[in-house]
Amino acid sequence: MKAEHPDKRLRVFVQDEARIGQQGTLARVWAPTGSRPTALKQTEYEWVYVWAAVDVQSGESAAMITPTVNTELMNRFLEGLSGMMKPDEHAVLALDNAGWHVAKALVIPSNITLMHLPPYSPELNPVERLWQYLRSHYLSNQVFKDYDELLTRSATAWDNLDQLTLKGICACSWAERAIHG
């Protein structure tokens, strides 16, 4: 990759989408020994998708929240990430092989290179840990009144994450080796 873009500073981003919904996530809670704490579990069927790309070195990120996932939205996401890059930077975006990540209609900006991870290997994508963190710290054991509240609470949860937290959660050895050789 460095040979293909010798005059650019390479930035490695990890990317994925997470569905956040009224099905909810149950998380463990502290409780006195012998007690049986109760937890809310909603079983309705509205959700939002949180899209994110995180720079594994700096924790800088791009994110958006949408009602669904598709190629058109992936194109918008790539446009947004592309707009974050300085003229002397090139983004390497590590992502899975979801249909909208490999679609023929996908328009990849010239300052982004997609690096598809092997199929069925979510453990290679550190942004998966981010979804676990977001759910357990901000979105678990809750009931969302309606779609608007789900959207608002998901956005608030994302806004609570800072660059240092994102960097810590998304750090990975394979990306460090790719960056530093």
N, C-alpha and C. Protein backbone atom coordinates (compact mmCIF):
# COMPACT_ATOMS: atom_id res chain seq x y z
N MET A 1 0.83 -1.18 0.00
CA MET A 1 0.00 0.00 0.00
C MET A 1 0.88 1.26 0.00
N LYS A 2 1.96 1.23 0.79
CA LYS A 2 2.85 2.40 0.83
C LYS A 2 3.47 2.67 -0.54
N ALA A 3 3.77 1.60 -1.27
CA ALA A 3 4.36 1.75 -2.60
C ALA A 3 3.37 2.37 -3.58
N GLU A 4 2.08 2.09 -3.40
CA GLU A 4 1.05 2.63 -4.29
C GLU A 4 0.77 4.11 -4.01
N HIS A 5 1.06 4.55 -2.79
CA HIS A 5 0.79 5.94 -2.39
C HIS A 5 2.01 6.50 -1.65
N PRO A 6 3.17 6.60 -2.33
CA PRO A 6 4.40 7.00 -1.65
C PRO A 6 4.39 8.40 -1.07
N ASP A 7 3.59 9.29 -1.65
CA ASP A 7 3.56 10.67 -1.19
C ASP A 7 2.47 10.94 -0.16
N LYS A 8 1.81 9.88 0.31
CA LYS A 8 0.68 10.04 1.24
C LYS A 8 1.00 9.40 2.59
N ARG A 9 0.42 9.98 3.62
CA ARG A 9 0.47 9.38 4.95
C ARG A 9 -0.71 8.41 5.03
N LEU A 10 -0.40 7.12 5.27
CA LEU A 10 -1.46 6.12 5.34
C LEU A 10 -2.10 6.12 6.72
N ARG A 11 -3.41 6.07 6.72
CA ARG A 11 -4.18 5.97 7.96
C ARG A 11 -5.03 4.70 7.88
N VAL A 12 -4.94 3.86 8.88
CA VAL A 12 -5.70 2.62 8.90
C VAL A 12 -6.96 2.83 9.74
N PHE A 13 -8.10 2.61 9.11
CA PHE A 13 -9.40 2.68 9.78
C PHE A 13 -10.01 1.29 9.80
N VAL A 14 -10.74 0.99 10.86
CA VAL A 14 -11.56 -0.22 10.92
C VAL A 14 -13.01 0.22 10.86
N GLN A 15 -13.84 -0.51 10.12
CA GLN A 15 -15.21 -0.05 9.86
C GLN A 15 -16.20 -1.19 10.01
N ASP A 16 -17.39 -0.84 10.47
CA ASP A 16 -18.49 -1.80 10.54
C ASP A 16 -19.78 -1.05 10.86
N GLU A 17 -20.88 -1.77 10.82
CA GLU A 17 -22.17 -1.24 11.21
C GLU A 17 -22.73 -2.13 12.31
N ALA A 18 -23.51 -1.53 13.19
CA ALA A 18 -24.16 -2.30 14.26
C ALA A 18 -25.64 -1.95 14.28
N ARG A 19 -26.46 -2.96 14.44
CA ARG A 19 -27.90 -2.72 14.57
C ARG A 19 -28.23 -2.56 16.05
N ILE A 20 -28.82 -1.44 16.38
CA ILE A 20 -29.23 -1.14 17.75
C ILE A 20 -30.75 -1.08 17.73
N GLY A 21 -31.40 -1.86 18.59
CA GLY A 21 -32.84 -1.87 18.49
C GLY A 21 -33.58 -2.13 19.76
N GLN A 22 -34.88 -2.27 19.58
CA GLN A 22 -35.76 -2.48 20.70
C GLN A 22 -35.69 -3.90 21.23
N GLN A 23 -34.97 -4.78 20.56
CA GLN A 23 -34.76 -6.11 21.12
C GLN A 23 -33.83 -6.02 22.33
N GLY A 24 -32.98 -5.00 22.32
CA GLY A 24 -32.15 -4.68 23.48
C GLY A 24 -31.04 -5.67 23.77
N THR A 25 -30.23 -5.28 24.72
CA THR A 25 -29.11 -6.08 25.19
C THR A 25 -29.20 -6.15 26.70
N LEU A 26 -29.11 -7.34 27.24
CA LEU A 26 -29.04 -7.49 28.69
C LEU A 26 -27.59 -7.50 29.10
N ALA A 27 -27.27 -6.80 30.16
CA ALA A 27 -25.90 -6.75 30.65
C ALA A 27 -25.89 -7.13 32.12
N ARG A 28 -24.76 -7.58 32.57
CA ARG A 28 -24.62 -7.93 33.99
C ARG A 28 -24.63 -6.68 34.84
N VAL A 29 -25.15 -6.81 36.04
CA VAL A 29 -25.19 -5.69 36.98
C VAL A 29 -24.70 -6.16 38.33
N TRP A 30 -24.16 -5.24 39.12
CA TRP A 30 -23.76 -5.55 40.48
C TRP A 30 -25.02 -5.63 41.35
N ALA A 31 -25.06 -6.63 42.21
CA ALA A 31 -26.19 -6.80 43.11
C ALA A 31 -25.72 -7.56 44.34
N PRO A 32 -26.38 -7.37 45.46
CA PRO A 32 -26.00 -8.12 46.67
C PRO A 32 -26.09 -9.63 46.45
N THR A 33 -25.18 -10.37 47.04
CA THR A 33 -25.18 -11.82 46.94
C THR A 33 -26.53 -12.36 47.39
N GLY A 34 -27.06 -13.28 46.60
CA GLY A 34 -28.33 -13.90 46.94
C GLY A 34 -29.54 -13.17 46.39
N SER A 35 -29.37 -11.97 45.89
CA SER A 35 -30.51 -11.23 45.34
C SER A 35 -30.68 -11.58 43.87
N ARG A 36 -31.82 -11.26 43.33
CA ARG A 36 -32.11 -11.50 41.91
C ARG A 36 -32.55 -10.18 41.28
N PRO A 37 -31.59 -9.39 40.79
CA PRO A 37 -31.96 -8.10 40.20
C PRO A 37 -32.80 -8.29 38.95
N THR A 38 -33.69 -7.37 38.73
CA THR A 38 -34.51 -7.42 37.52
C THR A 38 -33.88 -6.56 36.44
N ALA A 39 -34.14 -6.92 35.21
CA ALA A 39 -33.65 -6.14 34.07
C ALA A 39 -34.76 -6.07 33.04
N LEU A 40 -34.85 -4.93 32.40
CA LEU A 40 -35.87 -4.73 31.38
C LEU A 40 -35.44 -5.39 30.07
N LYS A 41 -36.38 -5.98 29.38
CA LYS A 41 -36.11 -6.57 28.06
C LYS A 41 -37.27 -6.22 27.15
N GLN A 42 -36.98 -5.45 26.13
CA GLN A 42 -38.00 -5.01 25.19
C GLN A 42 -38.04 -5.98 24.01
N THR A 43 -39.20 -6.22 23.46
CA THR A 43 -39.30 -7.17 22.36
C THR A 43 -40.03 -6.58 21.15
N GLU A 44 -39.83 -5.31 20.90
CA GLU A 44 -40.42 -4.69 19.72
C GLU A 44 -39.41 -4.71 18.58
N TYR A 45 -39.81 -4.24 17.42
CA TYR A 45 -39.00 -4.48 16.23
C TYR A 45 -38.60 -3.23 15.46
N GLU A 46 -38.17 -2.20 16.15
CA GLU A 46 -37.60 -1.04 15.47
C GLU A 46 -36.12 -0.99 15.82
N TRP A 47 -35.32 -0.49 14.89
CA TRP A 47 -33.89 -0.39 15.14
C TRP A 47 -33.27 0.68 14.27
N VAL A 48 -32.05 1.04 14.63
CA VAL A 48 -31.22 1.94 13.84
C VAL A 48 -29.89 1.25 13.61
N TYR A 49 -29.18 1.70 12.62
CA TYR A 49 -27.84 1.17 12.35
C TYR A 49 -26.83 2.27 12.60
N VAL A 50 -25.84 1.96 13.40
CA VAL A 50 -24.73 2.88 13.65
C VAL A 50 -23.57 2.43 12.78
N TRP A 51 -23.12 3.31 11.92
CA TRP A 51 -21.96 3.06 11.05
C TRP A 51 -20.77 3.78 11.67
N ALA A 52 -19.62 3.14 11.68
CA ALA A 52 -18.44 3.82 12.23
C ALA A 52 -17.18 3.33 11.56
N ALA A 53 -16.24 4.24 11.41
CA ALA A 53 -14.87 3.93 11.00
C ALA A 53 -13.98 4.63 12.01
N VAL A 54 -13.04 3.88 12.58
CA VAL A 54 -12.15 4.42 13.61
C VAL A 54 -10.71 4.28 13.17
N ASP A 55 -9.96 5.37 13.24
CA ASP A 55 -8.52 5.35 12.98
C ASP A 55 -7.86 4.67 14.17
N VAL A 56 -7.20 3.54 13.93
CA VAL A 56 -6.66 2.75 15.04
C VAL A 56 -5.51 3.43 15.75
N GLN A 57 -4.85 4.40 15.11
CA GLN A 57 -3.75 5.10 15.77
C GLN A 57 -4.21 6.28 16.60
N SER A 58 -5.14 7.05 16.08
CA SER A 58 -5.53 8.28 16.77
C SER A 58 -6.86 8.20 17.50
N GLY A 59 -7.72 7.26 17.09
CA GLY A 59 -9.06 7.20 17.65
C GLY A 59 -10.02 8.16 16.96
N GLU A 60 -9.53 8.91 15.97
CA GLU A 60 -10.43 9.78 15.22
C GLU A 60 -11.44 8.90 14.48
N SER A 61 -12.66 9.39 14.34
CA SER A 61 -13.69 8.53 13.77
C SER A 61 -14.65 9.29 12.87
N ALA A 62 -15.33 8.52 12.05
CA ALA A 62 -16.46 9.01 11.25
C ALA A 62 -17.62 8.09 11.60
N ALA A 63 -18.80 8.66 11.76
CA ALA A 63 -19.96 7.85 12.10
C ALA A 63 -21.22 8.44 11.52
N MET A 64 -22.21 7.59 11.34
CA MET A 64 -23.54 8.04 10.95
C MET A 64 -24.54 7.01 11.46
N ILE A 65 -25.78 7.46 11.62
CA ILE A 65 -26.85 6.57 12.06
C ILE A 65 -27.94 6.61 11.00
N THR A 66 -28.39 5.42 10.59
CA THR A 66 -29.38 5.31 9.52
C THR A 66 -30.45 4.30 9.90
N PRO A 67 -31.59 4.32 9.20
CA PRO A 67 -32.65 3.36 9.49
C PRO A 67 -32.42 1.98 8.86
N THR A 68 -31.49 1.88 7.92
CA THR A 68 -31.22 0.62 7.25
C THR A 68 -29.77 0.62 6.77
N VAL A 69 -29.37 -0.43 6.09
CA VAL A 69 -28.04 -0.50 5.47
C VAL A 69 -28.22 -0.88 4.00
N ASN A 70 -27.45 -0.22 3.13
CA ASN A 70 -27.47 -0.56 1.71
C ASN A 70 -26.29 0.12 1.02
N THR A 71 -26.14 -0.14 -0.25
CA THR A 71 -25.00 0.39 -1.00
C THR A 71 -25.04 1.92 -1.10
N GLU A 72 -26.21 2.49 -1.30
CA GLU A 72 -26.31 3.95 -1.39
C GLU A 72 -25.81 4.61 -0.10
N LEU A 73 -26.19 4.05 1.04
CA LEU A 73 -25.73 4.60 2.31
C LEU A 73 -24.23 4.37 2.52
N MET A 74 -23.74 3.23 2.04
CA MET A 74 -22.29 2.98 2.13
C MET A 74 -21.54 4.01 1.29
N ASN A 75 -22.08 4.35 0.13
CA ASN A 75 -21.44 5.39 -0.69
C ASN A 75 -21.39 6.72 0.05
N ARG A 76 -22.48 7.07 0.73
CA ARG A 76 -22.50 8.31 1.52
C ARG A 76 -21.47 8.26 2.65
N PHE A 77 -21.39 7.10 3.29
CA PHE A 77 -20.43 6.95 4.39
C PHE A 77 -19.00 7.14 3.86
N LEU A 78 -18.69 6.51 2.74
CA LEU A 78 -17.35 6.65 2.15
C LEU A 78 -17.06 8.09 1.76
N GLU A 79 -18.05 8.80 1.24
CA GLU A 79 -17.89 10.22 0.91
C GLU A 79 -17.52 11.02 2.15
N GLY A 80 -18.21 10.73 3.25
CA GLY A 80 -17.93 11.44 4.50
C GLY A 80 -16.53 11.16 5.01
N LEU A 81 -16.13 9.89 4.97
CA LEU A 81 -14.78 9.53 5.41
C LEU A 81 -13.74 10.17 4.50
N SER A 82 -13.99 10.15 3.22
CA SER A 82 -13.07 10.76 2.25
C SER A 82 -12.88 12.25 2.55
N GLY A 83 -13.97 12.91 2.91
CA GLY A 83 -13.91 14.34 3.22
C GLY A 83 -13.10 14.66 4.45
N MET A 84 -12.91 13.68 5.33
CA MET A 84 -12.09 13.88 6.54
C MET A 84 -10.60 13.87 6.23
N MET A 85 -10.22 13.24 5.12
CA MET A 85 -8.80 13.08 4.81
C MET A 85 -8.20 14.39 4.32
N LYS A 86 -7.00 14.67 4.80
CA LYS A 86 -6.25 15.82 4.30
C LYS A 86 -5.67 15.45 2.93
N PRO A 87 -5.28 16.44 2.13
CA PRO A 87 -4.76 16.15 0.79
C PRO A 87 -3.56 15.20 0.77
N ASP A 88 -2.77 15.19 1.85
CA ASP A 88 -1.59 14.34 1.88
C ASP A 88 -1.84 13.00 2.59
N GLU A 89 -3.11 12.62 2.79
CA GLU A 89 -3.45 11.38 3.50
C GLU A 89 -4.22 10.42 2.59
N HIS A 90 -4.08 9.14 2.89
CA HIS A 90 -4.81 8.08 2.20
C HIS A 90 -5.31 7.12 3.27
N ALA A 91 -6.59 6.78 3.21
CA ALA A 91 -7.19 5.88 4.19
C ALA A 91 -7.22 4.45 3.67
N VAL A 92 -6.80 3.52 4.52
CA VAL A 92 -6.97 2.10 4.27
C VAL A 92 -8.10 1.68 5.20
N LEU A 93 -9.19 1.21 4.63
CA LEU A 93 -10.39 0.91 5.40
C LEU A 93 -10.58 -0.59 5.47
N ALA A 94 -10.36 -1.16 6.67
CA ALA A 94 -10.55 -2.59 6.89
C ALA A 94 -12.01 -2.83 7.24
N LEU A 95 -12.65 -3.75 6.50
CA LEU A 95 -14.07 -4.00 6.70
C LEU A 95 -14.41 -5.42 6.28
N ASP A 96 -15.60 -5.87 6.67
CA ASP A 96 -16.03 -7.22 6.33
C ASP A 96 -16.57 -7.26 4.90
N ASN A 97 -17.17 -8.36 4.54
CA ASN A 97 -17.64 -8.56 3.17
C ASN A 97 -19.16 -8.47 3.05
N ALA A 98 -19.77 -7.59 3.82
CA ALA A 98 -21.21 -7.39 3.72
C ALA A 98 -21.56 -7.01 2.27
N GLY A 99 -22.75 -7.33 1.85
CA GLY A 99 -23.15 -7.10 0.46
C GLY A 99 -22.95 -5.68 -0.02
N TRP A 100 -23.22 -4.70 0.84
CA TRP A 100 -23.06 -3.29 0.46
C TRP A 100 -21.60 -2.86 0.48
N HIS A 101 -20.69 -3.70 1.02
CA HIS A 101 -19.26 -3.39 1.02
C HIS A 101 -18.58 -3.87 -0.26
N VAL A 102 -19.25 -4.77 -0.98
CA VAL A 102 -18.65 -5.36 -2.18
C VAL A 102 -19.53 -5.16 -3.42
N ALA A 103 -20.58 -4.38 -3.30
CA ALA A 103 -21.53 -4.19 -4.40
C ALA A 103 -20.88 -3.52 -5.61
N LYS A 104 -21.36 -3.87 -6.79
CA LYS A 104 -20.84 -3.26 -8.03
C LYS A 104 -21.12 -1.76 -8.08
N ALA A 105 -22.20 -1.32 -7.44
CA ALA A 105 -22.56 0.10 -7.45
C ALA A 105 -21.79 0.92 -6.41
N LEU A 106 -20.89 0.29 -5.68
CA LEU A 106 -20.12 1.00 -4.67
C LEU A 106 -19.12 1.94 -5.36
N VAL A 107 -19.11 3.18 -4.91
CA VAL A 107 -18.20 4.19 -5.47
C VAL A 107 -17.14 4.47 -4.42
N ILE A 108 -15.91 4.05 -4.70
CA ILE A 108 -14.83 4.19 -3.73
C ILE A 108 -14.01 5.44 -4.08
N PRO A 109 -13.97 6.41 -3.17
CA PRO A 109 -13.19 7.63 -3.43
C PRO A 109 -11.71 7.30 -3.65
N SER A 110 -11.04 8.16 -4.39
CA SER A 110 -9.64 7.90 -4.75
C SER A 110 -8.69 7.94 -3.55
N ASN A 111 -9.11 8.57 -2.44
CA ASN A 111 -8.22 8.63 -1.27
C ASN A 111 -8.56 7.56 -0.23
N ILE A 112 -9.29 6.52 -0.66
CA ILE A 112 -9.62 5.39 0.23
C ILE A 112 -9.35 4.10 -0.51
N THR A 113 -8.71 3.15 0.18
CA THR A 113 -8.55 1.79 -0.34
C THR A 113 -9.26 0.85 0.63
N LEU A 114 -10.13 0.00 0.08
CA LEU A 114 -10.83 -0.98 0.91
C LEU A 114 -9.95 -2.22 1.08
N MET A 115 -9.88 -2.70 2.31
CA MET A 115 -9.16 -3.93 2.62
C MET A 115 -10.18 -4.87 3.28
N HIS A 116 -10.68 -5.81 2.49
CA HIS A 116 -11.69 -6.73 3.00
C HIS A 116 -11.06 -7.81 3.86
N LEU A 117 -11.61 -8.00 5.03
CA LEU A 117 -11.14 -9.02 5.95
C LEU A 117 -11.65 -10.39 5.48
N PRO A 118 -10.99 -11.47 5.90
CA PRO A 118 -11.47 -12.80 5.49
C PRO A 118 -12.90 -13.03 5.97
N PRO A 119 -13.68 -13.80 5.19
CA PRO A 119 -15.05 -14.09 5.60
C PRO A 119 -15.12 -14.79 6.95
N TYR A 120 -16.19 -14.55 7.66
CA TYR A 120 -16.47 -15.21 8.94
C TYR A 120 -15.35 -15.05 9.96
N SER A 121 -14.79 -13.84 10.04
CA SER A 121 -13.71 -13.59 11.00
C SER A 121 -13.91 -12.25 11.71
N PRO A 122 -15.05 -12.09 12.40
CA PRO A 122 -15.29 -10.80 13.07
C PRO A 122 -14.24 -10.48 14.13
N GLU A 123 -13.55 -11.51 14.63
CA GLU A 123 -12.51 -11.26 15.64
C GLU A 123 -11.34 -10.45 15.09
N LEU A 124 -11.19 -10.39 13.78
CA LEU A 124 -10.12 -9.59 13.17
C LEU A 124 -10.47 -8.11 13.09
N ASN A 125 -11.75 -7.78 13.27
CA ASN A 125 -12.16 -6.39 13.16
C ASN A 125 -12.40 -5.82 14.57
N PRO A 126 -11.47 -5.00 15.05
CA PRO A 126 -11.59 -4.49 16.42
C PRO A 126 -12.79 -3.59 16.66
N VAL A 127 -13.42 -3.08 15.60
CA VAL A 127 -14.59 -2.25 15.81
C VAL A 127 -15.75 -3.09 16.38
N GLU A 128 -15.68 -4.41 16.24
CA GLU A 128 -16.69 -5.28 16.86
C GLU A 128 -16.68 -5.10 18.39
N ARG A 129 -15.50 -4.88 18.96
CA ARG A 129 -15.41 -4.62 20.41
C ARG A 129 -16.08 -3.31 20.77
N LEU A 130 -16.06 -2.37 19.84
CA LEU A 130 -16.71 -1.08 20.06
C LEU A 130 -18.21 -1.25 20.25
N TRP A 131 -18.82 -2.10 19.42
CA TRP A 131 -20.27 -2.31 19.55
C TRP A 131 -20.60 -2.92 20.91
N GLN A 132 -19.79 -3.85 21.34
CA GLN A 132 -19.99 -4.47 22.66
C GLN A 132 -19.89 -3.42 23.76
N TYR A 133 -18.90 -2.56 23.67
CA TYR A 133 -18.70 -1.49 24.65
C TYR A 133 -19.88 -0.52 24.64
N LEU A 134 -20.29 -0.09 23.46
CA LEU A 134 -21.38 0.87 23.33
C LEU A 134 -22.67 0.31 23.95
N ARG A 135 -22.95 -0.94 23.66
CA ARG A 135 -24.16 -1.56 24.21
C ARG A 135 -24.06 -1.72 25.73
N SER A 136 -22.95 -2.25 26.21
CA SER A 136 -22.85 -2.53 27.64
C SER A 136 -22.78 -1.28 28.50
N HIS A 137 -22.18 -0.20 27.98
CA HIS A 137 -22.02 1.01 28.78
C HIS A 137 -23.15 2.01 28.62
N TYR A 138 -23.85 2.00 27.49
CA TYR A 138 -24.82 3.05 27.23
C TYR A 138 -26.22 2.59 26.80
N LEU A 139 -26.34 1.39 26.26
CA LEU A 139 -27.61 1.03 25.64
C LEU A 139 -28.27 -0.24 26.19
N SER A 140 -27.68 -0.87 27.18
CA SER A 140 -28.25 -2.12 27.68
C SER A 140 -29.25 -1.87 28.80
N ASN A 141 -30.08 -2.89 29.06
CA ASN A 141 -31.07 -2.87 30.15
C ASN A 141 -31.98 -1.65 30.07
N GLN A 142 -32.43 -1.31 28.87
CA GLN A 142 -33.28 -0.14 28.67
C GLN A 142 -34.46 -0.48 27.77
N VAL A 143 -35.48 0.34 27.86
CA VAL A 143 -36.61 0.27 26.96
C VAL A 143 -36.67 1.61 26.22
N PHE A 144 -36.85 1.54 24.92
CA PHE A 144 -36.93 2.74 24.09
C PHE A 144 -38.39 2.95 23.69
N LYS A 145 -38.91 4.12 24.00
CA LYS A 145 -40.33 4.43 23.78
C LYS A 145 -40.73 4.26 22.31
N ASP A 146 -39.91 4.76 21.40
CA ASP A 146 -40.23 4.71 19.98
C ASP A 146 -38.94 4.88 19.17
N TYR A 147 -39.09 4.92 17.86
CA TYR A 147 -37.94 5.05 16.97
C TYR A 147 -37.13 6.31 17.27
N ASP A 148 -37.82 7.42 17.50
CA ASP A 148 -37.11 8.68 17.75
C ASP A 148 -36.24 8.60 19.00
N GLU A 149 -36.75 7.96 20.03
CA GLU A 149 -35.95 7.82 21.25
C GLU A 149 -34.76 6.89 21.01
N LEU A 150 -34.99 5.83 20.27
CA LEU A 150 -33.91 4.91 19.92
C LEU A 150 -32.81 5.64 19.15
N LEU A 151 -33.21 6.46 18.20
CA LEU A 151 -32.27 7.25 17.42
C LEU A 151 -31.50 8.24 18.30
N THR A 152 -32.22 8.96 19.13
CA THR A 152 -31.61 9.95 20.01
C THR A 152 -30.65 9.30 21.00
N ARG A 153 -31.06 8.21 21.63
CA ARG A 153 -30.21 7.56 22.63
C ARG A 153 -28.98 6.92 21.99
N SER A 154 -29.12 6.40 20.77
CA SER A 154 -27.96 5.84 20.07
C SER A 154 -26.97 6.94 19.72
N ALA A 155 -27.47 8.08 19.26
CA ALA A 155 -26.59 9.22 18.95
C ALA A 155 -25.90 9.74 20.21
N THR A 156 -26.64 9.82 21.30
CA THR A 156 -26.05 10.27 22.57
C THR A 156 -24.98 9.30 23.04
N ALA A 157 -25.25 8.01 22.90
CA ALA A 157 -24.25 7.00 23.28
C ALA A 157 -22.98 7.19 22.47
N TRP A 158 -23.13 7.37 21.15
CA TRP A 158 -21.95 7.58 20.31
C TRP A 158 -21.21 8.85 20.73
N ASP A 159 -21.95 9.91 21.00
CA ASP A 159 -21.34 11.19 21.37
C ASP A 159 -20.58 11.11 22.69
N ASN A 160 -20.88 10.13 23.52
CA ASN A 160 -20.17 9.95 24.79
C ASN A 160 -18.78 9.35 24.60
N LEU A 161 -18.50 8.83 23.43
CA LEU A 161 -17.20 8.22 23.16
C LEU A 161 -16.21 9.29 22.73
N ASP A 162 -15.03 9.30 23.33
CA ASP A 162 -14.00 10.25 22.91
C ASP A 162 -12.90 9.50 22.16
N GLN A 163 -11.99 10.25 21.57
CA GLN A 163 -10.92 9.65 20.77
C GLN A 163 -10.06 8.68 21.56
N LEU A 164 -9.75 9.00 22.80
CA LEU A 164 -8.91 8.12 23.61
C LEU A 164 -9.61 6.79 23.86
N THR A 165 -10.89 6.83 24.15
CA THR A 165 -11.66 5.60 24.37
C THR A 165 -11.71 4.78 23.08
N LEU A 166 -12.01 5.43 21.97
CA LEU A 166 -12.07 4.73 20.69
C LEU A 166 -10.72 4.12 20.33
N LYS A 167 -9.66 4.84 20.57
CA LYS A 167 -8.31 4.33 20.28
C LYS A 167 -8.02 3.09 21.13
N GLY A 168 -8.37 3.14 22.41
CA GLY A 168 -8.14 2.01 23.29
C GLY A 168 -8.94 0.78 22.90
N ILE A 169 -10.19 0.98 22.55
CA ILE A 169 -11.05 -0.14 22.19
C ILE A 169 -10.65 -0.75 20.85
N CYS A 170 -10.26 0.08 19.89
CA CYS A 170 -10.00 -0.39 18.53
C CYS A 170 -8.53 -0.67 18.23
N ALA A 171 -7.67 -0.60 19.23
CA ALA A 171 -6.26 -0.91 19.01
C ALA A 171 -6.12 -2.37 18.59
N CYS A 172 -5.24 -2.63 17.64
CA CYS A 172 -5.01 -4.03 17.24
C CYS A 172 -3.60 -4.19 16.69
N SER A 173 -3.02 -5.34 16.96
CA SER A 173 -1.63 -5.58 16.60
C SER A 173 -1.42 -5.65 15.09
N TRP A 174 -2.36 -6.23 14.35
CA TRP A 174 -2.14 -6.34 12.90
C TRP A 174 -2.09 -4.96 12.24
N ALA A 175 -2.89 -4.03 12.74
CA ALA A 175 -2.86 -2.68 12.16
C ALA A 175 -1.58 -1.96 12.54
N GLU A 176 -1.12 -2.13 13.77
CA GLU A 176 0.14 -1.53 14.18
C GLU A 176 1.29 -2.01 13.31
N ARG A 177 1.32 -3.32 13.03
CA ARG A 177 2.38 -3.86 12.17
C ARG A 177 2.27 -3.29 10.76
N ALA A 178 1.05 -3.13 10.27
CA ALA A 178 0.85 -2.60 8.91
C ALA A 178 1.33 -1.15 8.83
N ILE A 179 1.12 -0.40 9.88
CA ILE A 179 1.48 1.02 9.88
C ILE A 179 2.99 1.21 10.04
N HIS A 180 3.57 0.44 10.97
CA HIS A 180 4.99 0.65 11.31
C HIS A 180 5.93 -0.33 10.63
N GLY A 181 5.41 -1.27 9.89
CA GLY A 181 6.25 -2.18 9.12
C GLY A 181 6.84 -3.27 9.86
